[in-house]
Amino acid sequence: LFQKKNLLDEAVAEFNRLLKLPEASARQAEITYYIAECLEGQGKLKEALQQYLAVTYLHSSEVMWSTTARFKAAKICEQLQYYDDAAKLYRKIAGAYKGQIQGEFAKKKLKELQGKKKK
């Protein structure tokens, strides 16, 4: 509710509270993802990037959340002009989703990154 009403500070506080609850253990990837979304919405790109990467590395078995977070992390890397890091993330997606729409999109993004200034 807080996130939908664009009360992002309140949303982050509530999501962090939820993460500590034992009954939320099965939804940690989702909650961490939403924390990252709120931080991104606040323009805190580096903090959001850390949270998206936390989803991908700490909850890799949660394929949907992990893959979506990896795409979002790559997008932020591009915004921050961390092109090498974005390319690494897109390569992981392309490798994991060969012949699937996610993999094809990641390949397209890799081609777009070619020629951009490396940082």
PDB file of N, CA and C in Angstrom:
ATOM      1  N   LEU A   1       0.822  -1.197   0.000  1.00  0.00           N
ATOM      2  CA  LEU A   1       0.000   0.000   0.000  1.00  0.00           C
ATOM      3  C   LEU A   1       0.865   1.261   0.000  1.00  0.00           C
ATOM      4  N   PHE A   2       1.891   1.277   0.848  1.00  0.00           N
ATOM      5  CA  PHE A   2       2.779   2.440   0.888  1.00  0.00           C
ATOM      6  C   PHE A   2       3.437   2.662  -0.474  1.00  0.00           C
ATOM      7  N   GLN A   3       3.894   1.586  -1.076  1.00  0.00           N
ATOM      8  CA  GLN A   3       4.572   1.690  -2.362  1.00  0.00           C
ATOM      9  C   GLN A   3       3.612   2.215  -3.432  1.00  0.00           C
ATOM     10  N   LYS A   4       2.393   1.714  -3.446  1.00  0.00           N
ATOM     11  CA  LYS A   4       1.406   2.160  -4.431  1.00  0.00           C
ATOM     12  C   LYS A   4       1.062   3.632  -4.263  1.00  0.00           C
ATOM     13  N   LYS A   5       1.115   4.124  -3.036  1.00  0.00           N
ATOM     14  CA  LYS A   5       0.805   5.533  -2.774  1.00  0.00           C
ATOM     15  C   LYS A   5       2.064   6.403  -2.860  1.00  0.00           C
ATOM     16  N   ASN A   6       3.160   5.815  -3.325  1.00  0.00           N
ATOM     17  CA  ASN A   6       4.442   6.505  -3.488  1.00  0.00           C
ATOM     18  C   ASN A   6       4.994   7.045  -2.167  1.00  0.00           C
ATOM     19  N   LEU A   7       4.683   6.361  -1.080  1.00  0.00           N
ATOM     20  CA  LEU A   7       5.264   6.667   0.233  1.00  0.00           C
ATOM     21  C   LEU A   7       6.441   5.703   0.414  1.00  0.00           C
ATOM     22  N   LEU A   8       7.504   5.996  -0.302  1.00  0.00           N
ATOM     23  CA  LEU A   8       8.585   5.026  -0.446  1.00  0.00           C
ATOM     24  C   LEU A   8       9.405   4.832   0.825  1.00  0.00           C
ATOM     25  N   ASP A   9       9.608   5.877   1.597  1.00  0.00           N
ATOM     26  CA  ASP A   9      10.325   5.711   2.869  1.00  0.00           C
ATOM     27  C   ASP A   9       9.566   4.751   3.784  1.00  0.00           C
ATOM     28  N   GLU A  10       8.266   4.949   3.848  1.00  0.00           N
ATOM     29  CA  GLU A  10       7.427   4.096   4.679  1.00  0.00           C
ATOM     30  C   GLU A  10       7.416   2.659   4.144  1.00  0.00           C
ATOM     31  N   ALA A  11       7.383   2.534   2.825  1.00  0.00           N
ATOM     32  CA  ALA A  11       7.390   1.209   2.211  1.00  0.00           C
ATOM     33  C   ALA A  11       8.679   0.466   2.534  1.00  0.00           C
ATOM     34  N   VAL A  12       9.814   1.139   2.409  1.00  0.00           N
ATOM     35  CA  VAL A  12      11.102   0.498   2.709  1.00  0.00           C
ATOM     36  C   VAL A  12      11.142   0.071   4.175  1.00  0.00           C
ATOM     37  N   ALA A  13      10.676   0.919   5.062  1.00  0.00           N
ATOM     38  CA  ALA A  13      10.657   0.582   6.492  1.00  0.00           C
ATOM     39  C   ALA A  13       9.783  -0.648   6.738  1.00  0.00           C
ATOM     40  N   GLU A  14       8.628  -0.691   6.090  1.00  0.00           N
ATOM     41  CA  GLU A  14       7.716  -1.824   6.284  1.00  0.00           C
ATOM     42  C   GLU A  14       8.305  -3.102   5.685  1.00  0.00           C
ATOM     43  N   PHE A  15       8.893  -3.010   4.508  1.00  0.00           N
ATOM     44  CA  PHE A  15       9.507  -4.193   3.903  1.00  0.00           C
ATOM     45  C   PHE A  15      10.659  -4.715   4.768  1.00  0.00           C
ATOM     46  N   ASN A  16      11.459  -3.812   5.316  1.00  0.00           N
ATOM     47  CA  ASN A  16      12.546  -4.242   6.200  1.00  0.00           C
ATOM     48  C   ASN A  16      12.005  -4.901   7.463  1.00  0.00           C
ATOM     49  N   ARG A  17      10.883  -4.405   7.970  1.00  0.00           N
ATOM     50  CA  ARG A  17      10.242  -5.024   9.129  1.00  0.00           C
ATOM     51  C   ARG A  17       9.760  -6.433   8.767  1.00  0.00           C
ATOM     52  N   LEU A  18       9.158  -6.558   7.596  1.00  0.00           N
ATOM     53  CA  LEU A  18       8.649  -7.858   7.156  1.00  0.00           C
ATOM     54  C   LEU A  18       9.769  -8.885   6.978  1.00  0.00           C
ATOM     55  N   LEU A  19      10.922  -8.425   6.488  1.00  0.00           N
ATOM     56  CA  LEU A  19      12.048  -9.350   6.280  1.00  0.00           C
ATOM     57  C   LEU A  19      12.460 -10.059   7.560  1.00  0.00           C
ATOM     58  N   LYS A  20      12.242  -9.417   8.696  1.00  0.00           N
ATOM     59  CA  LYS A  20      12.665  -9.979   9.978  1.00  0.00           C
ATOM     60  C   LYS A  20      11.689 -11.014  10.531  1.00  0.00           C
ATOM     61  N   LEU A  21      10.502 -11.070   9.965  1.00  0.00           N
ATOM     62  CA  LEU A  21       9.496 -11.993  10.467  1.00  0.00           C
ATOM     63  C   LEU A  21       9.763 -13.410   9.972  1.00  0.00           C
ATOM     64  N   PRO A  22       9.676 -14.402  10.851  1.00  0.00           N
ATOM     65  CA  PRO A  22       9.940 -15.783  10.447  1.00  0.00           C
ATOM     66  C   PRO A  22       9.006 -16.266   9.328  1.00  0.00           C
ATOM     67  N   GLU A  23       7.757 -15.824   9.355  1.00  0.00           N
ATOM     68  CA  GLU A  23       6.807 -16.272   8.337  1.00  0.00           C
ATOM     69  C   GLU A  23       7.091 -15.676   6.955  1.00  0.00           C
ATOM     70  N   ALA A  24       7.994 -14.721   6.877  1.00  0.00           N
ATOM     71  CA  ALA A  24       8.349 -14.115   5.590  1.00  0.00           C
ATOM     72  C   ALA A  24       9.532 -14.812   4.927  1.00  0.00           C
ATOM     73  N   SER A  25      10.059 -15.839   5.546  1.00  0.00           N
ATOM     74  CA  SER A  25      11.269 -16.480   5.008  1.00  0.00           C
ATOM     75  C   SER A  25      11.086 -16.993   3.584  1.00  0.00           C
ATOM     76  N   ALA A  26       9.889 -17.442   3.239  1.00  0.00           N
ATOM     77  CA  ALA A  26       9.641 -17.956   1.891  1.00  0.00           C
ATOM     78  C   ALA A  26       9.473 -16.838   0.866  1.00  0.00           C
ATOM     79  N   ARG A  27       9.374 -15.600   1.333  1.00  0.00           N
ATOM     80  CA  ARG A  27       9.141 -14.478   0.418  1.00  0.00           C
ATOM     81  C   ARG A  27      10.260 -13.444   0.465  1.00  0.00           C
ATOM     82  N   GLN A  28      11.431 -13.832   0.938  1.00  0.00           N
ATOM     83  CA  GLN A  28      12.526 -12.880   1.081  1.00  0.00           C
ATOM     84  C   GLN A  28      12.983 -12.303  -0.252  1.00  0.00           C
ATOM     85  N   ALA A  29      13.016 -13.111  -1.299  1.00  0.00           N
ATOM     86  CA  ALA A  29      13.426 -12.616  -2.615  1.00  0.00           C
ATOM     87  C   ALA A  29      12.472 -11.519  -3.076  1.00  0.00           C
ATOM     88  N   GLU A  30      11.188 -11.776  -2.934  1.00  0.00           N
ATOM     89  CA  GLU A  30      10.167 -10.813  -3.351  1.00  0.00           C
ATOM     90  C   GLU A  30      10.270  -9.519  -2.545  1.00  0.00           C
ATOM     91  N   ILE A  31      10.401  -9.637  -1.252  1.00  0.00           N
ATOM     92  CA  ILE A  31      10.472  -8.453  -0.388  1.00  0.00           C
ATOM     93  C   ILE A  31      11.727  -7.642  -0.698  1.00  0.00           C
ATOM     94  N   THR A  32      12.850  -8.319  -0.866  1.00  0.00           N
ATOM     95  CA  THR A  32      14.098  -7.626  -1.188  1.00  0.00           C
ATOM     96  C   THR A  32      13.971  -6.911  -2.535  1.00  0.00           C
ATOM     97  N   TYR A  33      13.307  -7.561  -3.483  1.00  0.00           N
ATOM     98  CA  TYR A  33      13.078  -6.950  -4.794  1.00  0.00           C
ATOM     99  C   TYR A  33      12.269  -5.655  -4.635  1.00  0.00           C
ATOM    100  N   TYR A  34      11.225  -5.691  -3.833  1.00  0.00           N
ATOM    101  CA  TYR A  34      10.393  -4.499  -3.650  1.00  0.00           C
ATOM    102  C   TYR A  34      11.142  -3.383  -2.924  1.00  0.00           C
ATOM    103  N   ILE A  35      12.043  -3.753  -2.033  1.00  0.00           N
ATOM    104  CA  ILE A  35      12.897  -2.734  -1.394  1.00  0.00           C
ATOM    105  C   ILE A  35      13.728  -2.047  -2.478  1.00  0.00           C
ATOM    106  N   ALA A  36      14.301  -2.842  -3.365  1.00  0.00           N
ATOM    107  CA  ALA A  36      15.105  -2.284  -4.452  1.00  0.00           C
ATOM    108  C   ALA A  36      14.273  -1.364  -5.338  1.00  0.00           C
ATOM    109  N   GLU A  37      13.049  -1.768  -5.639  1.00  0.00           N
ATOM    110  CA  GLU A  37      12.163  -0.929  -6.458  1.00  0.00           C
ATOM    111  C   GLU A  37      11.899   0.420  -5.793  1.00  0.00           C
ATOM    112  N   CYS A  38      11.671   0.398  -4.501  1.00  0.00           N
ATOM    113  CA  CYS A  38      11.427   1.643  -3.769  1.00  0.00           C
ATOM    114  C   CYS A  38      12.663   2.543  -3.806  1.00  0.00           C
ATOM    115  N   LEU A  39      13.814   1.958  -3.571  1.00  0.00           N
ATOM    116  CA  LEU A  39      15.050   2.740  -3.601  1.00  0.00           C
ATOM    117  C   LEU A  39      15.286   3.329  -4.990  1.00  0.00           C
ATOM    118  N   GLU A  40      15.005   2.538  -6.011  1.00  0.00           N
ATOM    119  CA  GLU A  40      15.143   3.032  -7.381  1.00  0.00           C
ATOM    120  C   GLU A  40      14.173   4.192  -7.612  1.00  0.00           C
ATOM    121  N   GLY A  41      12.958   4.058  -7.120  1.00  0.00           N
ATOM    122  CA  GLY A  41      11.963   5.113  -7.245  1.00  0.00           C
ATOM    123  C   GLY A  41      12.368   6.395  -6.542  1.00  0.00           C
ATOM    124  N   GLN A  42      13.196   6.270  -5.521  1.00  0.00           N
ATOM    125  CA  GLN A  42      13.697   7.437  -4.788  1.00  0.00           C
ATOM    126  C   GLN A  42      14.944   8.023  -5.447  1.00  0.00           C
ATOM    127  N   GLY A  43      15.409   7.379  -6.513  1.00  0.00           N
ATOM    128  CA  GLY A  43      16.610   7.857  -7.187  1.00  0.00           C
ATOM    129  C   GLY A  43      17.895   7.400  -6.518  1.00  0.00           C
ATOM    130  N   LYS A  44      17.790   6.475  -5.576  1.00  0.00           N
ATOM    131  CA  LYS A  44      18.967   5.946  -4.877  1.00  0.00           C
ATOM    132  C   LYS A  44      19.475   4.736  -5.669  1.00  0.00           C
ATOM    133  N   LEU A  45      20.074   5.017  -6.826  1.00  0.00           N
ATOM    134  CA  LEU A  45      20.408   3.958  -7.767  1.00  0.00           C
ATOM    135  C   LEU A  45      21.455   2.976  -7.251  1.00  0.00           C
ATOM    136  N   LYS A  46      22.464   3.469  -6.584  1.00  0.00           N
ATOM    137  CA  LYS A  46      23.503   2.557  -6.089  1.00  0.00           C
ATOM    138  C   LYS A  46      22.959   1.627  -5.002  1.00  0.00           C
ATOM    139  N   GLU A  47      22.121   2.161  -4.140  1.00  0.00           N
ATOM    140  CA  GLU A  47      21.505   1.322  -3.105  1.00  0.00           C
ATOM    141  C   GLU A  47      20.536   0.320  -3.737  1.00  0.00           C
ATOM    142  N   ALA A  48      19.778   0.780  -4.727  1.00  0.00           N
ATOM    143  CA  ALA A  48      18.849  -0.110  -5.425  1.00  0.00           C
ATOM    144  C   ALA A  48      19.624  -1.220  -6.131  1.00  0.00           C
ATOM    145  N   LEU A  49      20.721  -0.867  -6.750  1.00  0.00           N
ATOM    146  CA  LEU A  49      21.559  -1.858  -7.431  1.00  0.00           C
ATOM    147  C   LEU A  49      22.014  -2.934  -6.449  1.00  0.00           C
ATOM    148  N   GLN A  50      22.443  -2.539  -5.271  1.00  0.00           N
ATOM    149  CA  GLN A  50      22.873  -3.503  -4.253  1.00  0.00           C
ATOM    150  C   GLN A  50      21.734  -4.452  -3.876  1.00  0.00           C
ATOM    151  N   GLN A  51      20.544  -3.917  -3.750  1.00  0.00           N
ATOM    152  CA  GLN A  51      19.402  -4.752  -3.370  1.00  0.00           C
ATOM    153  C   GLN A  51      19.008  -5.708  -4.499  1.00  0.00           C
ATOM    154  N   TYR A  52      19.002  -5.214  -5.737  1.00  0.00           N
ATOM    155  CA  TYR A  52      18.688  -6.101  -6.861  1.00  0.00           C
ATOM    156  C   TYR A  52      19.717  -7.231  -6.944  1.00  0.00           C
ATOM    157  N   LEU A  53      20.984  -6.883  -6.748  1.00  0.00           N
ATOM    158  CA  LEU A  53      22.031  -7.916  -6.786  1.00  0.00           C
ATOM    159  C   LEU A  53      21.879  -8.891  -5.621  1.00  0.00           C
ATOM    160  N   ALA A  54      21.405  -8.401  -4.479  1.00  0.00           N
ATOM    161  CA  ALA A  54      21.151  -9.292  -3.337  1.00  0.00           C
ATOM    162  C   ALA A  54      20.101 -10.331  -3.711  1.00  0.00           C
ATOM    163  N   VAL A  55      19.090  -9.913  -4.446  1.00  0.00           N
ATOM    164  CA  VAL A  55      18.064 -10.870  -4.890  1.00  0.00           C
ATOM    165  C   VAL A  55      18.709 -11.936  -5.770  1.00  0.00           C
ATOM    166  N   THR A  56      19.527 -11.500  -6.725  1.00  0.00           N
ATOM    167  CA  THR A  56      20.093 -12.461  -7.676  1.00  0.00           C
ATOM    168  C   THR A  56      21.070 -13.427  -7.025  1.00  0.00           C
ATOM    169  N   TYR A  57      21.824 -12.959  -6.045  1.00  0.00           N
ATOM    170  CA  TYR A  57      22.849 -13.815  -5.444  1.00  0.00           C
ATOM    171  C   TYR A  57      22.372 -14.578  -4.211  1.00  0.00           C
ATOM    172  N   LEU A  58      21.536 -13.963  -3.419  1.00  0.00           N
ATOM    173  CA  LEU A  58      21.079 -14.629  -2.196  1.00  0.00           C
ATOM    174  C   LEU A  58      19.863 -15.525  -2.425  1.00  0.00           C
ATOM    175  N   HIS A  59      19.152 -15.265  -3.512  1.00  0.00           N
ATOM    176  CA  HIS A  59      17.909 -16.006  -3.762  1.00  0.00           C
ATOM    177  C   HIS A  59      17.878 -16.533  -5.198  1.00  0.00           C
ATOM    178  N   SER A  60      18.993 -17.064  -5.654  1.00  0.00           N
ATOM    179  CA  SER A  60      19.092 -17.519  -7.047  1.00  0.00           C
ATOM    180  C   SER A  60      18.111 -18.642  -7.369  1.00  0.00           C
ATOM    181  N   SER A  61      17.660 -19.366  -6.367  1.00  0.00           N
ATOM    182  CA  SER A  61      16.685 -20.436  -6.614  1.00  0.00           C
ATOM    183  C   SER A  61      15.293 -19.876  -6.930  1.00  0.00           C
ATOM    184  N   GLU A  62      15.066 -18.642  -6.596  1.00  0.00           N
ATOM    185  CA  GLU A  62      13.810 -17.958  -6.935  1.00  0.00           C
ATOM    186  C   GLU A  62      13.989 -17.367  -8.335  1.00  0.00           C
ATOM    187  N   VAL A  63      13.821 -18.198  -9.343  1.00  0.00           N
ATOM    188  CA  VAL A  63      14.209 -17.864 -10.719  1.00  0.00           C
ATOM    189  C   VAL A  63      13.525 -16.596 -11.237  1.00  0.00           C
ATOM    190  N   MET A  64      12.235 -16.462 -11.046  1.00  0.00           N
ATOM    191  CA  MET A  64      11.529 -15.298 -11.579  1.00  0.00           C
ATOM    192  C   MET A  64      12.030 -14.012 -10.937  1.00  0.00           C
ATOM    193  N   TRP A  65      12.131 -14.012  -9.612  1.00  0.00           N
ATOM    194  CA  TRP A  65      12.603 -12.808  -8.925  1.00  0.00           C
ATOM    195  C   TRP A  65      14.062 -12.527  -9.247  1.00  0.00           C
ATOM    196  N   SER A  66      14.861 -13.560  -9.287  1.00  0.00           N
ATOM    197  CA  SER A  66      16.282 -13.410  -9.566  1.00  0.00           C
ATOM    198  C   SER A  66      16.533 -12.855 -10.966  1.00  0.00           C
ATOM    199  N   THR A  67      15.849 -13.399 -11.943  1.00  0.00           N
ATOM    200  CA  THR A  67      16.040 -12.941 -13.319  1.00  0.00           C
ATOM    201  C   THR A  67      15.543 -11.512 -13.499  1.00  0.00           C
ATOM    202  N   THR A  68      14.388 -11.218 -12.950  1.00  0.00           N
ATOM    203  CA  THR A  68      13.845  -9.863 -13.053  1.00  0.00           C
ATOM    204  C   THR A  68      14.775  -8.873 -12.370  1.00  0.00           C
ATOM    205  N   ALA A  69      15.289  -9.238 -11.217  1.00  0.00           N
ATOM    206  CA  ALA A  69      16.225  -8.370 -10.500  1.00  0.00           C
ATOM    207  C   ALA A  69      17.517  -8.184 -11.290  1.00  0.00           C
ATOM    208  N   ARG A  70      17.968  -9.226 -11.956  1.00  0.00           N
ATOM    209  CA  ARG A  70      19.198  -9.125 -12.756  1.00  0.00           C
ATOM    210  C   ARG A  70      18.990  -8.140 -13.912  1.00  0.00           C
ATOM    211  N   PHE A  71      17.836  -8.202 -14.562  1.00  0.00           N
ATOM    212  CA  PHE A  71      17.538  -7.239 -15.630  1.00  0.00           C
ATOM    213  C   PHE A  71      17.521  -5.812 -15.081  1.00  0.00           C
ATOM    214  N   LYS A  72      16.874  -5.622 -13.929  1.00  0.00           N
ATOM    215  CA  LYS A  72      16.803  -4.289 -13.338  1.00  0.00           C
ATOM    216  C   LYS A  72      18.187  -3.795 -12.922  1.00  0.00           C
ATOM    217  N   ALA A  73      19.009  -4.687 -12.391  1.00  0.00           N
ATOM    218  CA  ALA A  73      20.370  -4.310 -12.008  1.00  0.00           C
ATOM    219  C   ALA A  73      21.167  -3.893 -13.238  1.00  0.00           C
ATOM    220  N   ALA A  74      21.020  -4.619 -14.324  1.00  0.00           N
ATOM    221  CA  ALA A  74      21.729  -4.279 -15.564  1.00  0.00           C
ATOM    222  C   ALA A  74      21.291  -2.912 -16.080  1.00  0.00           C
ATOM    223  N   LYS A  75      20.007  -2.644 -15.984  1.00  0.00           N
ATOM    224  CA  LYS A  75      19.479  -1.346 -16.423  1.00  0.00           C
ATOM    225  C   LYS A  75      20.092  -0.210 -15.603  1.00  0.00           C
ATOM    226  N   ILE A  76      20.193  -0.414 -14.296  1.00  0.00           N
ATOM    227  CA  ILE A  76      20.800   0.610 -13.435  1.00  0.00           C
ATOM    228  C   ILE A  76      22.279   0.762 -13.766  1.00  0.00           C
ATOM    229  N   CYS A  77      22.959  -0.344 -14.011  1.00  0.00           N
ATOM    230  CA  CYS A  77      24.373  -0.264 -14.399  1.00  0.00           C
ATOM    231  C   CYS A  77      24.533   0.592 -15.651  1.00  0.00           C
ATOM    232  N   GLU A  78      23.625   0.423 -16.592  1.00  0.00           N
ATOM    233  CA  GLU A  78      23.671   1.253 -17.796  1.00  0.00           C
ATOM    234  C   GLU A  78      23.461   2.723 -17.449  1.00  0.00           C
ATOM    235  N   GLN A  79      22.492   3.015 -16.587  1.00  0.00           N
ATOM    236  CA  GLN A  79      22.223   4.397 -16.189  1.00  0.00           C
ATOM    237  C   GLN A  79      23.444   5.023 -15.527  1.00  0.00           C
ATOM    238  N   LEU A  80      24.142   4.217 -14.750  1.00  0.00           N
ATOM    239  CA  LEU A  80      25.335   4.698 -14.045  1.00  0.00           C
ATOM    240  C   LEU A  80      26.588   4.632 -14.924  1.00  0.00           C
ATOM    241  N   GLN A  81      26.407   4.193 -16.151  1.00  0.00           N
ATOM    242  CA  GLN A  81      27.478   4.023 -17.133  1.00  0.00           C
ATOM    243  C   GLN A  81      28.509   2.978 -16.697  1.00  0.00           C
ATOM    244  N   TYR A  82      28.060   1.962 -15.985  1.00  0.00           N
ATOM    245  CA  TYR A  82      28.888   0.818 -15.621  1.00  0.00           C
ATOM    246  C   TYR A  82      28.648  -0.245 -16.690  1.00  0.00           C
ATOM    247  N   TYR A  83      29.099   0.049 -17.898  1.00  0.00           N
ATOM    248  CA  TYR A  83      28.754  -0.780 -19.041  1.00  0.00           C
ATOM    249  C   TYR A  83      29.303  -2.200 -18.953  1.00  0.00           C
ATOM    250  N   ASP A  84      30.506  -2.354 -18.424  1.00  0.00           N
ATOM    251  CA  ASP A  84      31.072  -3.701 -18.281  1.00  0.00           C
ATOM    252  C   ASP A  84      30.230  -4.553 -17.326  1.00  0.00           C
ATOM    253  N   ASP A  85      29.796  -3.943 -16.242  1.00  0.00           N
ATOM    254  CA  ASP A  85      28.969  -4.670 -15.277  1.00  0.00           C
ATOM    255  C   ASP A  85      27.610  -5.025 -15.879  1.00  0.00           C
ATOM    256  N   ALA A  86      27.034  -4.096 -16.628  1.00  0.00           N
ATOM    257  CA  ALA A  86      25.760  -4.375 -17.296  1.00  0.00           C
ATOM    258  C   ALA A  86      25.925  -5.541 -18.264  1.00  0.00           C
ATOM    259  N   ALA A  87      27.014  -5.531 -19.014  1.00  0.00           N
ATOM    260  CA  ALA A  87      27.260  -6.600 -19.980  1.00  0.00           C
ATOM    261  C   ALA A  87      27.394  -7.956 -19.279  1.00  0.00           C
ATOM    262  N   LYS A  88      28.063  -7.986 -18.149  1.00  0.00           N
ATOM    263  CA  LYS A  88      28.203  -9.244 -17.401  1.00  0.00           C
ATOM    264  C   LYS A  88      26.835  -9.790 -16.992  1.00  0.00           C
ATOM    265  N   LEU A  89      25.980  -8.900 -16.528  1.00  0.00           N
ATOM    266  CA  LEU A  89      24.645  -9.328 -16.108  1.00  0.00           C
ATOM    267  C   LEU A  89      23.834  -9.834 -17.303  1.00  0.00           C
ATOM    268  N   TYR A  90      23.896  -9.115 -18.423  1.00  0.00           N
ATOM    269  CA  TYR A  90      23.169  -9.558 -19.614  1.00  0.00           C
ATOM    270  C   TYR A  90      23.716 -10.889 -20.135  1.00  0.00           C
ATOM    271  N   ARG A  91      25.032 -11.088 -20.043  1.00  0.00           N
ATOM    272  CA  ARG A  91      25.618 -12.370 -20.481  1.00  0.00           C
ATOM    273  C   ARG A  91      25.097 -13.532 -19.638  1.00  0.00           C
ATOM    274  N   LYS A  92      24.967 -13.307 -18.341  1.00  0.00           N
ATOM    275  CA  LYS A  92      24.439 -14.359 -17.461  1.00  0.00           C
ATOM    276  C   LYS A  92      23.006 -14.719 -17.853  1.00  0.00           C
ATOM    277  N   ILE A  93      22.216 -13.702 -18.141  1.00  0.00           N
ATOM    278  CA  ILE A  93      20.829 -13.952 -18.542  1.00  0.00           C
ATOM    279  C   ILE A  93      20.794 -14.685 -19.882  1.00  0.00           C
ATOM    280  N   ALA A  94      21.588 -14.194 -20.831  1.00  0.00           N
ATOM    281  CA  ALA A  94      21.612 -14.817 -22.165  1.00  0.00           C
ATOM    282  C   ALA A  94      22.039 -16.275 -22.078  1.00  0.00           C
ATOM    283  N   GLY A  95      23.018 -16.566 -21.229  1.00  0.00           N
ATOM    284  CA  GLY A  95      23.484 -17.941 -21.063  1.00  0.00           C
ATOM    285  C   GLY A  95      22.459 -18.840 -20.400  1.00  0.00           C
ATOM    286  N   ALA A  96      21.724 -18.298 -19.465  1.00  0.00           N
ATOM    287  CA  ALA A  96      20.736 -19.090 -18.735  1.00  0.00           C
ATOM    288  C   ALA A  96      19.443 -19.296 -19.530  1.00  0.00           C
ATOM    289  N   TYR A  97      19.188 -18.427 -20.478  1.00  0.00           N
ATOM    290  CA  TYR A  97      17.916 -18.468 -21.220  1.00  0.00           C
ATOM    291  C   TYR A  97      18.133 -18.560 -22.728  1.00  0.00           C
ATOM    292  N   LYS A  98      19.036 -19.433 -23.141  1.00  0.00           N
ATOM    293  CA  LYS A  98      19.302 -19.605 -24.570  1.00  0.00           C
ATOM    294  C   LYS A  98      18.022 -20.022 -25.288  1.00  0.00           C
ATOM    295  N   GLY A  99      17.732 -19.322 -26.386  1.00  0.00           N
ATOM    296  CA  GLY A  99      16.567 -19.659 -27.188  1.00  0.00           C
ATOM    297  C   GLY A  99      15.237 -19.209 -26.612  1.00  0.00           C
ATOM    298  N   GLN A 100      15.273 -18.530 -25.483  1.00  0.00           N
ATOM    299  CA  GLN A 100      14.043 -18.035 -24.859  1.00  0.00           C
ATOM    300  C   GLN A 100      14.005 -16.515 -24.976  1.00  0.00           C
ATOM    301  N   ILE A 101      12.848 -15.959 -24.765  1.00  0.00           N
ATOM    302  CA  ILE A 101      12.672 -14.519 -24.954  1.00  0.00           C
ATOM    303  C   ILE A 101      13.609 -13.695 -24.062  1.00  0.00           C
ATOM    304  N   GLN A 102      13.815 -14.150 -22.808  1.00  0.00           N
ATOM    305  CA  GLN A 102      14.710 -13.423 -21.904  1.00  0.00           C
ATOM    306  C   GLN A 102      16.135 -13.412 -22.452  1.00  0.00           C
ATOM    307  N   GLY A 103      16.570 -14.563 -22.961  1.00  0.00           N
ATOM    308  CA  GLY A 103      17.916 -14.660 -23.512  1.00  0.00           C
ATOM    309  C   GLY A 103      18.095 -13.815 -24.752  1.00  0.00           C
ATOM    310  N   GLU A 104      17.090 -13.790 -25.599  1.00  0.00           N
ATOM    311  CA  GLU A 104      17.161 -12.987 -26.826  1.00  0.00           C
ATOM    312  C   GLU A 104      17.192 -11.500 -26.497  1.00  0.00           C
ATOM    313  N   PHE A 105      16.400 -11.099 -25.510  1.00  0.00           N
ATOM    314  CA  PHE A 105      16.409  -9.691 -25.096  1.00  0.00           C
ATOM    315  C   PHE A 105      17.777  -9.314 -24.527  1.00  0.00           C
ATOM    316  N   ALA A 106      18.340 -10.206 -23.728  1.00  0.00           N
ATOM    317  CA  ALA A 106      19.663  -9.943 -23.145  1.00  0.00           C
ATOM    318  C   ALA A 106      20.716  -9.820 -24.248  1.00  0.00           C
ATOM    319  N   LYS A 107      20.630 -10.667 -25.270  1.00  0.00           N
ATOM    320  CA  LYS A 107      21.568 -10.571 -26.404  1.00  0.00           C
ATOM    321  C   LYS A 107      21.419  -9.229 -27.114  1.00  0.00           C
ATOM    322  N   LYS A 108      20.183  -8.791 -27.284  1.00  0.00           N
ATOM    323  CA  LYS A 108      19.926  -7.493 -27.920  1.00  0.00           C
ATOM    324  C   LYS A 108      20.566  -6.372 -27.110  1.00  0.00           C
ATOM    325  N   LYS A 109      20.410  -6.427 -25.788  1.00  0.00           N
ATOM    326  CA  LYS A 109      21.002  -5.407 -24.924  1.00  0.00           C
ATOM    327  C   LYS A 109      22.529  -5.441 -24.986  1.00  0.00           C
ATOM    328  N   LEU A 110      23.102  -6.631 -25.102  1.00  0.00           N
ATOM    329  CA  LEU A 110      24.562  -6.746 -25.236  1.00  0.00           C
ATOM    330  C   LEU A 110      25.043  -6.051 -26.502  1.00  0.00           C
ATOM    331  N   LYS A 111      24.322  -6.237 -27.600  1.00  0.00           N
ATOM    332  CA  LYS A 111      24.694  -5.572 -28.853  1.00  0.00           C
ATOM    333  C   LYS A 111      24.613  -4.061 -28.719  1.00  0.00           C
ATOM    334  N   GLU A 112      23.590  -3.577 -28.020  1.00  0.00           N
ATOM    335  CA  GLU A 112      23.450  -2.139 -27.796  1.00  0.00           C
ATOM    336  C   GLU A 112      24.612  -1.576 -26.992  1.00  0.00           C
ATOM    337  N   LEU A 113      25.115  -2.388 -26.065  1.00  0.00           N
ATOM    338  CA  LEU A 113      26.217  -1.929 -25.199  1.00  0.00           C
ATOM    339  C   LEU A 113      27.535  -1.842 -25.940  1.00  0.00           C
ATOM    340  N   GLN A 114      27.687  -2.632 -26.981  1.00  0.00           N
ATOM    341  CA  GLN A 114      28.930  -2.582 -27.748  1.00  0.00           C
ATOM    342  C   GLN A 114      29.096  -1.178 -28.298  1.00  0.00           C
ATOM    343  N   GLY A 115      30.241  -0.634 -28.131  1.00  0.00           N
ATOM    344  CA  GLY A 115      30.499   0.703 -28.641  1.00  0.00           C
ATOM    345  C   GLY A 115      30.231   1.807 -27.630  1.00  0.00           C
ATOM    346  N   LYS A 116      29.533   1.506 -26.548  1.00  0.00           N
ATOM    347  CA  LYS A 116      29.367   2.528 -25.515  1.00  0.00           C
ATOM    348  C   LYS A 116      30.660   2.619 -24.725  1.00  0.00           C
ATOM    349  N   LYS A 117      30.926   3.790 -24.249  1.00  0.00           N
ATOM    350  CA  LYS A 117      32.145   4.026 -23.480  1.00  0.00           C
ATOM    351  C   LYS A 117      32.169   3.119 -22.250  1.00  0.00           C
ATOM    352  N   LYS A 118      33.284   2.462 -22.038  1.00  0.00           N
ATOM    353  CA  LYS A 118      33.433   1.583 -20.870  1.00  0.00           C
ATOM    354  C   LYS A 118      33.817   2.408 -19.655  1.00  0.00           C
ATOM    355  N   LYS A 119      33.339   1.955 -18.525  1.00  0.00           N
ATOM    356  CA  LYS A 119      33.645   2.648 -17.271  1.00  0.00           C
ATOM    357  C   LYS A 119      33.941   1.646 -16.197  1.00  0.00           C
TER     358      LYS A 119
END
